[in-house]
N, C-alpha and C. Protein backbone atom coordinates (compact mmCIF):
# COMPACT_ATOMS: atom_id res chain seq x y z
N UNK A 1 -10.98 -5.19 5.15
CA UNK A 1 -9.70 -5.23 5.84
C UNK A 1 -9.27 -6.67 6.10
N UNK A 2 -10.22 -7.51 6.48
CA UNK A 2 -9.90 -8.90 6.75
C UNK A 2 -9.40 -9.61 5.50
N UNK A 3 -9.95 -9.20 4.32
CA UNK A 3 -9.50 -9.81 3.07
C UNK A 3 -8.02 -9.54 2.85
N UNK A 4 -7.59 -8.31 3.12
CA UNK A 4 -6.19 -7.95 2.93
C UNK A 4 -5.29 -8.78 3.84
N UNK A 5 -5.72 -8.98 5.08
CA UNK A 5 -4.93 -9.78 6.02
C UNK A 5 -4.85 -11.24 5.57
N UNK A 6 -5.97 -11.77 5.09
CA UNK A 6 -6.00 -13.16 4.66
C UNK A 6 -5.15 -13.38 3.41
N UNK A 7 -5.11 -12.40 2.51
CA UNK A 7 -4.28 -12.53 1.31
C UNK A 7 -2.82 -12.71 1.71
N UNK A 8 -2.38 -11.93 2.70
CA UNK A 8 -0.99 -12.03 3.14
C UNK A 8 -0.69 -13.38 3.77
N UNK A 9 -1.65 -13.91 4.52
CA UNK A 9 -1.41 -15.19 5.20
C UNK A 9 -1.43 -16.36 4.21
N UNK A 10 -2.21 -16.22 3.15
CA UNK A 10 -2.42 -17.34 2.23
C UNK A 10 -1.49 -17.34 1.03
N UNK A 11 -0.61 -16.35 0.92
CA UNK A 11 0.14 -16.21 -0.32
C UNK A 11 1.18 -17.30 -0.54
N UNK A 12 1.64 -17.97 0.49
CA UNK A 12 2.61 -19.05 0.31
C UNK A 12 2.15 -20.29 1.06
N UNK A 13 1.31 -21.12 0.44
CA UNK A 13 0.79 -22.29 1.13
C UNK A 13 1.86 -23.29 1.52
N UNK A 14 3.06 -23.19 0.91
CA UNK A 14 4.13 -24.12 1.25
C UNK A 14 4.77 -23.79 2.60
N UNK A 15 4.61 -22.55 3.02
CA UNK A 15 5.29 -22.11 4.25
C UNK A 15 4.38 -22.29 5.45
N UNK A 16 4.35 -23.51 6.01
CA UNK A 16 3.41 -23.80 7.08
C UNK A 16 4.07 -23.92 8.45
N UNK A 17 5.24 -24.51 8.53
CA UNK A 17 5.92 -24.64 9.80
C UNK A 17 6.63 -23.34 10.18
N UNK A 18 6.88 -23.17 11.47
CA UNK A 18 7.49 -21.93 11.95
C UNK A 18 8.82 -21.65 11.26
N UNK A 19 9.69 -22.67 11.20
CA UNK A 19 10.99 -22.49 10.55
C UNK A 19 10.82 -22.16 9.07
N UNK A 20 9.85 -22.83 8.44
CA UNK A 20 9.57 -22.58 7.03
C UNK A 20 9.06 -21.16 6.82
N UNK A 21 8.21 -20.69 7.72
CA UNK A 21 7.69 -19.32 7.61
C UNK A 21 8.81 -18.30 7.77
N UNK A 22 9.73 -18.57 8.68
CA UNK A 22 10.87 -17.66 8.87
C UNK A 22 11.72 -17.59 7.61
N UNK A 23 12.00 -18.74 7.01
CA UNK A 23 12.80 -18.78 5.79
C UNK A 23 12.06 -18.04 4.66
N UNK A 24 10.77 -18.26 4.59
CA UNK A 24 9.96 -17.58 3.57
C UNK A 24 10.02 -16.07 3.75
N UNK A 25 9.93 -15.61 5.00
CA UNK A 25 10.00 -14.17 5.28
C UNK A 25 11.36 -13.61 4.91
N UNK A 26 12.43 -14.38 5.16
CA UNK A 26 13.78 -13.94 4.80
C UNK A 26 13.91 -13.77 3.29
N UNK A 27 13.33 -14.69 2.55
CA UNK A 27 13.41 -14.62 1.09
C UNK A 27 12.65 -13.41 0.55
N UNK A 28 11.46 -13.17 1.08
CA UNK A 28 10.69 -12.01 0.64
C UNK A 28 11.39 -10.71 0.99
N UNK A 29 11.96 -10.64 2.20
CA UNK A 29 12.68 -9.45 2.62
C UNK A 29 13.89 -9.20 1.71
N UNK A 30 14.60 -10.27 1.37
CA UNK A 30 15.75 -10.14 0.47
C UNK A 30 15.29 -9.71 -0.92
N UNK A 31 14.16 -10.23 -1.36
CA UNK A 31 13.64 -9.87 -2.68
C UNK A 31 13.33 -8.38 -2.76
N UNK A 32 12.76 -7.85 -1.70
CA UNK A 32 12.47 -6.41 -1.67
C UNK A 32 13.75 -5.60 -1.84
N UNK A 33 14.79 -5.99 -1.13
CA UNK A 33 16.06 -5.26 -1.22
C UNK A 33 16.66 -5.36 -2.62
N UNK A 34 16.59 -6.54 -3.20
CA UNK A 34 17.15 -6.72 -4.55
C UNK A 34 16.32 -5.96 -5.58
N UNK A 35 15.01 -6.03 -5.48
CA UNK A 35 14.15 -5.31 -6.43
C UNK A 35 14.37 -3.80 -6.33
N UNK A 36 14.51 -3.30 -5.10
CA UNK A 36 14.72 -1.86 -4.91
C UNK A 36 16.08 -1.43 -5.46
N UNK A 37 17.07 -2.30 -5.34
CA UNK A 37 18.44 -1.96 -5.78
C UNK A 37 18.62 -2.12 -7.28
N UNK A 38 18.12 -3.23 -7.83
CA UNK A 38 18.41 -3.57 -9.23
C UNK A 38 17.22 -3.38 -10.17
N UNK A 39 16.01 -3.25 -9.60
CA UNK A 39 14.81 -3.25 -10.42
C UNK A 39 14.35 -4.69 -10.66
N UNK A 40 13.06 -4.88 -10.82
CA UNK A 40 12.52 -6.23 -10.99
C UNK A 40 13.01 -6.86 -12.28
N UNK A 41 13.08 -6.08 -13.36
CA UNK A 41 13.47 -6.63 -14.65
C UNK A 41 14.88 -7.20 -14.64
N UNK A 42 15.80 -6.55 -13.94
CA UNK A 42 17.21 -6.96 -13.94
C UNK A 42 17.54 -7.96 -12.82
N UNK A 43 16.67 -8.06 -11.84
CA UNK A 43 16.94 -8.96 -10.71
C UNK A 43 16.87 -10.42 -11.15
N UNK A 44 17.65 -11.26 -10.48
CA UNK A 44 17.65 -12.69 -10.74
C UNK A 44 17.34 -13.45 -9.45
N UNK A 45 16.80 -14.62 -9.60
CA UNK A 45 16.52 -15.43 -8.41
C UNK A 45 17.82 -15.72 -7.66
N UNK A 46 18.90 -15.91 -8.40
CA UNK A 46 20.19 -16.16 -7.74
C UNK A 46 20.59 -14.98 -6.87
N UNK A 47 20.28 -13.76 -7.32
CA UNK A 47 20.59 -12.57 -6.52
C UNK A 47 19.78 -12.57 -5.22
N UNK A 48 18.54 -12.98 -5.33
CA UNK A 48 17.67 -13.01 -4.16
C UNK A 48 18.16 -14.05 -3.16
N UNK A 49 18.55 -15.22 -3.67
CA UNK A 49 19.07 -16.27 -2.80
C UNK A 49 20.34 -15.80 -2.09
N UNK A 50 21.23 -15.14 -2.84
CA UNK A 50 22.47 -14.65 -2.24
C UNK A 50 22.19 -13.59 -1.18
N UNK A 51 21.25 -12.70 -1.48
CA UNK A 51 20.90 -11.64 -0.52
C UNK A 51 20.30 -12.22 0.75
N UNK A 52 19.53 -13.29 0.60
CA UNK A 52 18.89 -13.94 1.76
C UNK A 52 19.86 -14.86 2.49
N UNK A 53 20.98 -15.21 1.83
CA UNK A 53 21.94 -16.12 2.45
C UNK A 53 21.44 -17.55 2.50
N UNK A 54 20.68 -17.94 1.46
CA UNK A 54 20.13 -19.30 1.41
C UNK A 54 20.51 -19.94 0.08
N UNK A 55 20.49 -21.27 0.00
CA UNK A 55 20.76 -21.93 -1.28
C UNK A 55 19.68 -21.56 -2.30
N UNK A 56 20.06 -21.57 -3.56
CA UNK A 56 19.11 -21.26 -4.62
C UNK A 56 17.90 -22.19 -4.58
N UNK A 57 18.16 -23.45 -4.23
CA UNK A 57 17.06 -24.43 -4.17
C UNK A 57 16.02 -24.05 -3.13
N UNK A 58 16.46 -23.34 -2.07
CA UNK A 58 15.51 -22.94 -1.03
C UNK A 58 14.49 -21.95 -1.55
N UNK A 59 14.92 -21.08 -2.46
CA UNK A 59 13.98 -20.12 -3.05
C UNK A 59 12.93 -20.87 -3.86
N UNK A 60 13.40 -21.88 -4.61
CA UNK A 60 12.47 -22.65 -5.44
C UNK A 60 11.55 -23.55 -4.61
N UNK A 61 11.87 -23.72 -3.34
CA UNK A 61 10.94 -24.46 -2.46
C UNK A 61 9.65 -23.69 -2.28
N UNK A 62 9.72 -22.36 -2.44
CA UNK A 62 8.56 -21.51 -2.20
C UNK A 62 7.99 -20.90 -3.48
N UNK A 63 8.85 -20.60 -4.43
CA UNK A 63 8.41 -19.90 -5.64
C UNK A 63 9.00 -20.55 -6.88
N UNK A 64 8.19 -20.60 -7.93
CA UNK A 64 8.62 -21.23 -9.18
C UNK A 64 9.39 -20.28 -10.08
N UNK A 65 9.23 -18.97 -9.87
CA UNK A 65 9.87 -18.00 -10.76
C UNK A 65 10.06 -16.67 -10.05
N UNK A 66 10.86 -15.82 -10.66
CA UNK A 66 11.06 -14.47 -10.14
C UNK A 66 9.74 -13.71 -10.15
N UNK A 67 8.93 -13.93 -11.18
CA UNK A 67 7.64 -13.24 -11.29
C UNK A 67 6.74 -13.60 -10.11
N UNK A 68 6.76 -14.86 -9.70
CA UNK A 68 5.95 -15.26 -8.55
C UNK A 68 6.37 -14.51 -7.29
N UNK A 69 7.67 -14.31 -7.13
CA UNK A 69 8.16 -13.55 -5.98
C UNK A 69 7.70 -12.11 -6.08
N UNK A 70 7.80 -11.55 -7.29
CA UNK A 70 7.40 -10.15 -7.48
C UNK A 70 5.92 -9.95 -7.21
N UNK A 71 5.11 -10.97 -7.50
CA UNK A 71 3.68 -10.87 -7.18
C UNK A 71 3.43 -10.97 -5.68
N UNK A 72 4.26 -11.79 -5.02
CA UNK A 72 4.05 -12.03 -3.59
C UNK A 72 4.42 -10.84 -2.73
N UNK A 73 5.42 -10.07 -3.17
CA UNK A 73 5.92 -8.96 -2.35
C UNK A 73 4.83 -7.93 -2.04
N UNK A 74 4.08 -7.40 -3.03
CA UNK A 74 3.05 -6.41 -2.69
C UNK A 74 1.98 -6.96 -1.76
N UNK A 75 1.64 -8.24 -1.94
CA UNK A 75 0.61 -8.85 -1.10
C UNK A 75 1.07 -8.92 0.35
N UNK A 76 2.30 -9.37 0.54
CA UNK A 76 2.84 -9.50 1.90
C UNK A 76 2.95 -8.16 2.58
N UNK A 77 3.47 -7.16 1.87
CA UNK A 77 3.68 -5.85 2.49
C UNK A 77 2.36 -5.13 2.74
N UNK A 78 1.41 -5.27 1.83
CA UNK A 78 0.10 -4.66 2.05
C UNK A 78 -0.56 -5.27 3.27
N UNK A 79 -0.43 -6.58 3.42
CA UNK A 79 -0.99 -7.26 4.59
C UNK A 79 -0.34 -6.75 5.87
N UNK A 80 0.98 -6.53 5.83
CA UNK A 80 1.68 -6.01 7.01
C UNK A 80 1.20 -4.60 7.35
N UNK A 81 1.04 -3.77 6.32
CA UNK A 81 0.54 -2.41 6.54
C UNK A 81 -0.86 -2.44 7.15
N UNK A 82 -1.74 -3.25 6.59
CA UNK A 82 -3.11 -3.32 7.08
C UNK A 82 -3.15 -3.82 8.51
N UNK A 83 -2.31 -4.80 8.84
CA UNK A 83 -2.27 -5.31 10.21
C UNK A 83 -1.84 -4.22 11.18
N UNK A 84 -0.84 -3.42 10.79
CA UNK A 84 -0.39 -2.33 11.65
C UNK A 84 -1.48 -1.28 11.81
N UNK A 85 -2.15 -0.94 10.71
CA UNK A 85 -3.24 0.03 10.80
C UNK A 85 -4.36 -0.49 11.68
N UNK A 86 -4.72 -1.74 11.51
CA UNK A 86 -5.82 -2.33 12.28
C UNK A 86 -5.53 -2.27 13.78
N UNK A 87 -4.31 -2.60 14.16
CA UNK A 87 -3.94 -2.58 15.58
C UNK A 87 -4.04 -1.17 16.17
N UNK A 88 -3.59 -0.19 15.40
CA UNK A 88 -3.64 1.20 15.87
C UNK A 88 -5.06 1.75 15.84
N UNK A 89 -5.84 1.37 14.82
CA UNK A 89 -7.19 1.91 14.66
C UNK A 89 -8.13 1.45 15.78
N UNK A 90 -7.85 0.30 16.37
CA UNK A 90 -8.70 -0.21 17.45
C UNK A 90 -8.72 0.74 18.65
N UNK A 91 -7.69 1.57 18.77
CA UNK A 91 -7.60 2.49 19.90
C UNK A 91 -8.30 3.82 19.62
N UNK A 92 -8.82 3.98 18.40
CA UNK A 92 -9.47 5.23 18.01
C UNK A 92 -10.97 5.05 17.94
N UNK A 93 -11.70 6.12 18.18
CA UNK A 93 -13.15 6.02 18.23
C UNK A 93 -13.82 6.44 16.93
N UNK A 94 -13.42 7.57 16.35
CA UNK A 94 -14.13 8.12 15.22
C UNK A 94 -13.56 7.71 13.88
N UNK A 95 -14.43 7.69 12.85
CA UNK A 95 -13.98 7.39 11.50
C UNK A 95 -13.02 8.46 11.00
N UNK A 96 -13.18 9.70 11.47
CA UNK A 96 -12.27 10.75 11.05
C UNK A 96 -10.85 10.49 11.56
N UNK A 97 -10.74 10.03 12.81
CA UNK A 97 -9.43 9.71 13.37
C UNK A 97 -8.80 8.52 12.64
N UNK A 98 -9.63 7.54 12.32
CA UNK A 98 -9.10 6.35 11.63
C UNK A 98 -8.68 6.69 10.20
N UNK A 99 -9.46 7.52 9.52
CA UNK A 99 -9.09 7.91 8.16
C UNK A 99 -7.81 8.73 8.16
N UNK A 100 -7.69 9.65 9.11
CA UNK A 100 -6.46 10.44 9.24
C UNK A 100 -5.27 9.50 9.46
N UNK A 101 -5.43 8.55 10.39
CA UNK A 101 -4.36 7.60 10.68
C UNK A 101 -4.00 6.81 9.43
N UNK A 102 -5.01 6.35 8.69
CA UNK A 102 -4.76 5.52 7.52
C UNK A 102 -3.89 6.27 6.50
N UNK A 103 -4.22 7.54 6.25
CA UNK A 103 -3.45 8.31 5.27
C UNK A 103 -2.06 8.65 5.80
N UNK A 104 -1.99 9.06 7.05
CA UNK A 104 -0.69 9.40 7.65
C UNK A 104 0.21 8.17 7.69
N UNK A 105 -0.37 7.02 8.06
CA UNK A 105 0.41 5.80 8.18
C UNK A 105 0.89 5.31 6.81
N UNK A 106 0.13 5.59 5.77
CA UNK A 106 0.55 5.23 4.41
C UNK A 106 1.91 5.81 4.09
N UNK A 107 2.09 7.08 4.42
CA UNK A 107 3.37 7.75 4.16
C UNK A 107 4.44 7.27 5.14
N UNK A 108 4.06 7.14 6.40
CA UNK A 108 5.04 6.73 7.41
C UNK A 108 5.54 5.31 7.15
N UNK A 109 4.66 4.44 6.67
CA UNK A 109 5.06 3.07 6.34
C UNK A 109 6.09 3.08 5.21
N UNK A 110 5.87 3.94 4.22
CA UNK A 110 6.83 4.07 3.12
C UNK A 110 8.16 4.60 3.63
N UNK A 111 8.10 5.54 4.57
CA UNK A 111 9.33 6.10 5.13
C UNK A 111 10.13 5.05 5.86
N UNK A 112 9.44 4.18 6.60
CA UNK A 112 10.13 3.17 7.40
C UNK A 112 10.53 1.94 6.59
N UNK A 113 9.94 1.79 5.40
CA UNK A 113 10.23 0.64 4.55
C UNK A 113 10.58 1.16 3.15
N UNK A 114 11.71 1.82 3.06
CA UNK A 114 12.05 2.52 1.81
C UNK A 114 12.29 1.55 0.65
N UNK A 115 12.90 0.41 0.91
CA UNK A 115 13.11 -0.56 -0.18
C UNK A 115 11.77 -1.03 -0.72
N UNK A 116 10.86 -1.31 0.19
CA UNK A 116 9.52 -1.72 -0.22
C UNK A 116 8.84 -0.60 -0.99
N UNK A 117 8.94 0.63 -0.51
CA UNK A 117 8.30 1.76 -1.17
C UNK A 117 8.84 1.94 -2.59
N UNK A 118 10.15 1.80 -2.75
CA UNK A 118 10.74 1.90 -4.10
C UNK A 118 10.20 0.79 -5.00
N UNK A 119 10.08 -0.40 -4.45
CA UNK A 119 9.57 -1.52 -5.24
C UNK A 119 8.13 -1.28 -5.65
N UNK A 120 7.31 -0.82 -4.73
CA UNK A 120 5.89 -0.61 -5.04
C UNK A 120 5.68 0.58 -5.97
N UNK A 121 6.17 1.76 -5.55
CA UNK A 121 5.82 2.99 -6.25
C UNK A 121 6.62 3.21 -7.53
N UNK A 122 7.83 2.65 -7.60
CA UNK A 122 8.67 2.88 -8.77
C UNK A 122 8.79 1.66 -9.68
N UNK A 123 8.42 0.48 -9.18
CA UNK A 123 8.54 -0.74 -9.98
C UNK A 123 7.18 -1.39 -10.28
N UNK A 124 6.43 -1.70 -9.23
CA UNK A 124 5.19 -2.45 -9.42
C UNK A 124 4.08 -1.59 -10.00
N UNK A 125 3.84 -0.44 -9.38
CA UNK A 125 2.70 0.38 -9.77
C UNK A 125 2.78 0.84 -11.23
N UNK A 126 3.94 1.25 -11.75
CA UNK A 126 3.98 1.70 -13.14
C UNK A 126 4.00 0.56 -14.17
N UNK A 127 4.04 -0.69 -13.72
CA UNK A 127 4.24 -1.80 -14.64
C UNK A 127 2.94 -2.56 -14.89
N UNK A 128 3.01 -3.49 -15.84
CA UNK A 128 1.83 -4.32 -16.14
C UNK A 128 1.54 -5.29 -15.01
N UNK A 129 2.49 -5.47 -14.11
CA UNK A 129 2.28 -6.37 -12.97
C UNK A 129 1.05 -6.01 -12.17
N UNK A 130 0.76 -4.70 -12.12
CA UNK A 130 -0.33 -4.24 -11.28
C UNK A 130 -1.66 -4.81 -11.76
N UNK A 131 -1.73 -5.26 -13.02
CA UNK A 131 -2.97 -5.81 -13.55
C UNK A 131 -3.12 -7.30 -13.27
N UNK A 132 -2.06 -7.93 -12.75
CA UNK A 132 -2.17 -9.33 -12.38
C UNK A 132 -3.16 -9.47 -11.22
N UNK A 133 -4.03 -10.44 -11.31
CA UNK A 133 -5.18 -10.53 -10.40
C UNK A 133 -4.78 -10.47 -8.93
N UNK A 134 -3.80 -11.27 -8.53
CA UNK A 134 -3.43 -11.31 -7.12
C UNK A 134 -2.89 -9.97 -6.64
N UNK A 135 -2.07 -9.34 -7.47
CA UNK A 135 -1.49 -8.05 -7.10
C UNK A 135 -2.58 -6.99 -7.08
N UNK A 136 -3.42 -6.98 -8.11
CA UNK A 136 -4.48 -5.98 -8.20
C UNK A 136 -5.43 -6.09 -7.02
N UNK A 137 -5.80 -7.31 -6.66
CA UNK A 137 -6.72 -7.49 -5.53
C UNK A 137 -6.11 -6.93 -4.25
N UNK A 138 -4.82 -7.18 -4.07
CA UNK A 138 -4.15 -6.70 -2.85
C UNK A 138 -4.10 -5.19 -2.80
N UNK A 139 -3.73 -4.55 -3.91
CA UNK A 139 -3.66 -3.10 -3.95
C UNK A 139 -5.06 -2.47 -3.89
N UNK A 140 -6.04 -3.16 -4.48
CA UNK A 140 -7.41 -2.66 -4.40
C UNK A 140 -7.94 -2.67 -2.97
N UNK A 141 -7.43 -3.61 -2.15
CA UNK A 141 -7.83 -3.63 -0.74
C UNK A 141 -7.55 -2.29 -0.07
N UNK A 142 -6.43 -1.69 -0.45
CA UNK A 142 -6.04 -0.39 0.11
C UNK A 142 -7.13 0.65 -0.17
N UNK A 143 -7.58 0.72 -1.42
CA UNK A 143 -8.62 1.68 -1.77
C UNK A 143 -9.95 1.35 -1.12
N UNK A 144 -10.25 0.06 -1.00
CA UNK A 144 -11.53 -0.33 -0.39
C UNK A 144 -11.59 0.08 1.08
N UNK A 145 -10.48 -0.04 1.78
CA UNK A 145 -10.47 0.37 3.19
C UNK A 145 -10.71 1.86 3.29
N UNK A 146 -10.04 2.64 2.45
CA UNK A 146 -10.23 4.09 2.48
C UNK A 146 -11.68 4.45 2.14
N UNK A 147 -12.25 3.77 1.15
CA UNK A 147 -13.65 3.99 0.76
C UNK A 147 -14.57 3.73 1.95
N UNK A 148 -14.34 2.63 2.66
CA UNK A 148 -15.18 2.27 3.80
C UNK A 148 -15.06 3.30 4.92
N UNK A 149 -13.86 3.80 5.16
CA UNK A 149 -13.67 4.81 6.20
C UNK A 149 -14.40 6.10 5.86
N UNK A 150 -14.39 6.49 4.59
CA UNK A 150 -15.14 7.68 4.17
C UNK A 150 -16.63 7.45 4.38
N UNK A 151 -17.10 6.28 4.00
CA UNK A 151 -18.50 5.93 4.16
C UNK A 151 -18.90 5.92 5.65
N UNK A 152 -18.02 5.38 6.49
CA UNK A 152 -18.30 5.35 7.93
C UNK A 152 -18.45 6.77 8.48
N UNK A 153 -17.61 7.68 8.01
CA UNK A 153 -17.69 9.07 8.46
C UNK A 153 -19.00 9.73 8.04
N UNK A 154 -19.48 9.40 6.86
CA UNK A 154 -20.77 9.92 6.40
C UNK A 154 -21.89 9.44 7.31
N UNK A 155 -21.87 8.14 7.60
CA UNK A 155 -22.93 7.56 8.43
C UNK A 155 -22.92 8.11 9.85
N UNK A 156 -21.73 8.53 10.31
CA UNK A 156 -21.62 9.11 11.65
C UNK A 156 -21.90 10.60 11.65
N UNK A 157 -22.17 11.18 10.47
CA UNK A 157 -22.46 12.60 10.37
C UNK A 157 -21.24 13.49 10.50
N UNK A 158 -20.05 12.93 10.25
CA UNK A 158 -18.83 13.71 10.37
C UNK A 158 -18.59 14.60 9.16
N UNK A 159 -19.14 14.22 8.02
CA UNK A 159 -19.06 15.03 6.79
C UNK A 159 -20.23 14.64 5.89
N UNK A 160 -20.55 15.50 4.92
CA UNK A 160 -21.69 15.22 4.04
C UNK A 160 -21.47 13.97 3.21
N UNK A 161 -22.58 13.40 2.75
CA UNK A 161 -22.49 12.23 1.87
C UNK A 161 -21.76 12.63 0.58
N UNK A 162 -20.85 11.80 0.18
CA UNK A 162 -20.05 12.05 -1.02
C UNK A 162 -20.61 11.24 -2.18
N UNK A 163 -21.13 11.90 -3.22
CA UNK A 163 -21.70 11.15 -4.35
C UNK A 163 -20.62 10.52 -5.22
N UNK A 164 -19.37 10.89 -5.00
CA UNK A 164 -18.27 10.37 -5.83
C UNK A 164 -17.14 9.84 -4.94
N UNK A 165 -17.49 8.86 -4.10
CA UNK A 165 -16.48 8.35 -3.16
C UNK A 165 -15.26 7.78 -3.87
N UNK A 166 -15.49 7.06 -4.95
CA UNK A 166 -14.34 6.44 -5.66
C UNK A 166 -13.41 7.52 -6.20
N UNK A 167 -14.01 8.61 -6.68
CA UNK A 167 -13.18 9.71 -7.17
C UNK A 167 -12.39 10.34 -6.03
N UNK A 168 -13.03 10.49 -4.89
CA UNK A 168 -12.34 11.03 -3.71
C UNK A 168 -11.19 10.14 -3.29
N UNK A 169 -11.43 8.83 -3.27
CA UNK A 169 -10.37 7.88 -2.93
C UNK A 169 -9.20 8.01 -3.91
N UNK A 170 -9.51 8.17 -5.20
CA UNK A 170 -8.46 8.33 -6.20
C UNK A 170 -7.64 9.58 -5.93
N UNK A 171 -8.30 10.67 -5.57
CA UNK A 171 -7.59 11.93 -5.26
C UNK A 171 -6.68 11.73 -4.05
N UNK A 172 -7.21 11.08 -3.02
CA UNK A 172 -6.43 10.86 -1.80
C UNK A 172 -5.19 9.99 -2.09
N UNK A 173 -5.41 8.86 -2.74
CA UNK A 173 -4.30 7.95 -3.03
C UNK A 173 -3.28 8.62 -3.95
N UNK A 174 -3.77 9.34 -4.96
CA UNK A 174 -2.86 10.02 -5.87
C UNK A 174 -2.00 11.07 -5.18
N UNK A 175 -2.60 11.81 -4.26
CA UNK A 175 -1.86 12.85 -3.53
C UNK A 175 -0.79 12.24 -2.64
N UNK A 176 -1.15 11.20 -1.91
CA UNK A 176 -0.19 10.55 -1.02
C UNK A 176 0.93 9.88 -1.83
N UNK A 177 0.56 9.23 -2.92
CA UNK A 177 1.55 8.55 -3.75
C UNK A 177 2.53 9.54 -4.35
N UNK A 178 2.02 10.69 -4.81
CA UNK A 178 2.90 11.68 -5.40
C UNK A 178 3.92 12.20 -4.38
N UNK A 179 3.47 12.42 -3.16
CA UNK A 179 4.39 12.87 -2.13
C UNK A 179 5.47 11.82 -1.87
N UNK A 180 5.06 10.56 -1.78
CA UNK A 180 6.01 9.49 -1.52
C UNK A 180 7.01 9.35 -2.67
N UNK A 181 6.53 9.39 -3.90
CA UNK A 181 7.40 9.23 -5.07
C UNK A 181 8.41 10.37 -5.14
N UNK A 182 7.95 11.60 -4.93
CA UNK A 182 8.85 12.75 -4.96
C UNK A 182 9.93 12.62 -3.88
N UNK A 183 9.53 12.12 -2.73
CA UNK A 183 10.49 11.94 -1.64
C UNK A 183 11.50 10.84 -1.98
N UNK A 184 11.01 9.75 -2.56
CA UNK A 184 11.91 8.65 -2.92
C UNK A 184 12.93 9.09 -3.97
N UNK A 185 12.49 9.87 -4.94
CA UNK A 185 13.36 10.25 -6.05
C UNK A 185 14.29 11.41 -5.71
N UNK A 186 13.76 12.38 -4.97
CA UNK A 186 14.51 13.63 -4.78
C UNK A 186 14.75 14.00 -3.31
N UNK A 187 14.23 13.15 -2.39
CA UNK A 187 14.31 13.47 -0.96
C UNK A 187 13.69 14.84 -0.67
N UNK A 188 12.61 15.12 -1.36
CA UNK A 188 11.81 16.32 -1.12
C UNK A 188 10.38 15.88 -0.86
N UNK A 189 9.79 16.36 0.21
CA UNK A 189 10.33 17.27 1.21
C UNK A 189 11.36 16.56 2.11
N UNK A 190 12.27 17.34 2.66
CA UNK A 190 13.30 16.76 3.51
C UNK A 190 12.69 16.13 4.76
N UNK A 191 11.74 16.82 5.37
CA UNK A 191 11.07 16.30 6.56
C UNK A 191 9.71 15.75 6.12
N UNK A 192 9.73 14.50 5.72
CA UNK A 192 8.56 13.91 5.07
C UNK A 192 7.32 13.95 5.95
N UNK A 193 7.44 13.50 7.18
CA UNK A 193 6.25 13.41 8.02
C UNK A 193 5.75 14.78 8.46
N UNK A 194 6.66 15.74 8.58
CA UNK A 194 6.25 17.10 8.90
C UNK A 194 5.41 17.67 7.76
N UNK A 195 5.74 17.31 6.53
CA UNK A 195 4.98 17.77 5.37
C UNK A 195 3.70 16.96 5.18
N UNK A 196 3.68 15.75 5.70
CA UNK A 196 2.51 14.89 5.51
C UNK A 196 1.31 15.38 6.30
N UNK A 197 1.53 15.85 7.52
CA UNK A 197 0.41 16.27 8.38
C UNK A 197 -0.47 17.32 7.71
N UNK A 198 0.07 18.43 7.18
CA UNK A 198 -0.80 19.41 6.53
C UNK A 198 -1.45 18.88 5.26
N UNK A 199 -0.77 17.98 4.54
CA UNK A 199 -1.38 17.40 3.35
C UNK A 199 -2.61 16.58 3.73
N UNK A 200 -2.47 15.75 4.75
CA UNK A 200 -3.60 14.92 5.18
C UNK A 200 -4.74 15.80 5.69
N UNK A 201 -4.41 16.85 6.43
CA UNK A 201 -5.44 17.77 6.91
C UNK A 201 -6.19 18.40 5.73
N UNK A 202 -5.44 18.77 4.71
CA UNK A 202 -6.06 19.38 3.53
C UNK A 202 -6.98 18.39 2.82
N UNK A 203 -6.53 17.14 2.70
CA UNK A 203 -7.36 16.11 2.07
C UNK A 203 -8.61 15.85 2.89
N UNK A 204 -8.46 15.81 4.20
CA UNK A 204 -9.63 15.62 5.07
C UNK A 204 -10.63 16.74 4.88
N UNK A 205 -10.11 17.96 4.64
CA UNK A 205 -10.99 19.11 4.45
C UNK A 205 -11.86 18.98 3.21
N UNK A 206 -11.41 18.21 2.22
CA UNK A 206 -12.21 18.01 1.01
C UNK A 206 -13.52 17.29 1.31
N UNK A 207 -13.54 16.53 2.39
CA UNK A 207 -14.75 15.79 2.74
C UNK A 207 -15.84 16.70 3.27
N UNK A 208 -15.47 17.88 3.72
CA UNK A 208 -16.45 18.80 4.29
C UNK A 208 -17.16 19.63 3.24
N UNK A 209 -16.72 19.53 1.99
CA UNK A 209 -17.34 20.32 0.92
C UNK A 209 -17.94 19.39 -0.11
N UNK A 210 -19.01 19.83 -0.69
CA UNK A 210 -19.65 19.07 -1.76
C UNK A 210 -19.72 19.98 -2.97
N UNK A 211 -18.72 19.90 -3.82
CA UNK A 211 -18.64 20.79 -4.98
C UNK A 211 -19.44 20.21 -6.13
N UNK A 212 -20.39 20.97 -6.68
CA UNK A 212 -21.17 20.45 -7.81
C UNK A 212 -20.27 20.25 -9.02
N UNK A 213 -20.61 19.28 -9.83
CA UNK A 213 -19.81 19.01 -11.02
C UNK A 213 -19.98 20.14 -12.03
N UNK A 214 -19.08 20.22 -13.00
CA UNK A 214 -19.16 21.26 -14.03
C UNK A 214 -20.48 21.17 -14.78
N UNK A 215 -20.90 19.94 -15.09
CA UNK A 215 -22.15 19.78 -15.83
C UNK A 215 -23.34 20.29 -15.03
N UNK A 216 -23.38 20.04 -13.71
CA UNK A 216 -24.49 20.51 -12.89
C UNK A 216 -24.49 22.03 -12.80
N UNK A 217 -23.29 22.63 -12.71
CA UNK A 217 -23.24 24.09 -12.65
C UNK A 217 -23.72 24.68 -13.95
N UNK A 218 -23.35 24.06 -15.06
CA UNK A 218 -23.80 24.56 -16.36
C UNK A 218 -25.32 24.46 -16.48
N UNK A 219 -25.87 23.35 -15.92
CA UNK A 219 -27.32 23.16 -16.01
C UNK A 219 -28.05 24.26 -15.25
N UNK A 220 -27.45 24.68 -14.13
CA UNK A 220 -28.09 25.74 -13.34
C UNK A 220 -28.06 27.07 -14.09
N UNK A 221 -27.01 27.28 -14.89
CA UNK A 221 -26.90 28.51 -15.64
C UNK A 221 -27.76 28.49 -16.90
């Protein structure tokens, strides 16, 4: 979790003074809106500068290219999400409560930051950008936190040991992402968070079962 927070803080070494950090945040926020509206491929740095209300040269004070901005956006937003989760998780005692919060907050964060969600789920994730080291490391932090929470629950005896934690994490992330994408594209379900609660409960229920693999069942037969 600390790695995710540090990535967000370190992504723009040029932005050190308070005023500079504010300008940097304005540029990233504008970039999210432009990427969500126009798509990363069609967006221009000039569009981002206009959206932020700053001179074009100000954008180049922080980033050398549009691609650099596109790489920075997932890192900054993931860091913000992790910081929010960390603050809320400190008030919870059990790994089960923290894991539930993490999954529920994933959807709620997308709901509250729709431009960002469109950029991540509809632009970044399906593109080759996701393989860029800085972006991949940031998005991998998300899975690593979920993996650790599942492991913490095992150690606390809240659910059986999972021999395929990475597979479980993939199922969890895929389920949450599919719900978010469907909502972004079609506004279904209409009441997103009302539909999220039973989905998260169902995913949590998977931790209580240990289903043998097809190969192991065949071996028994």
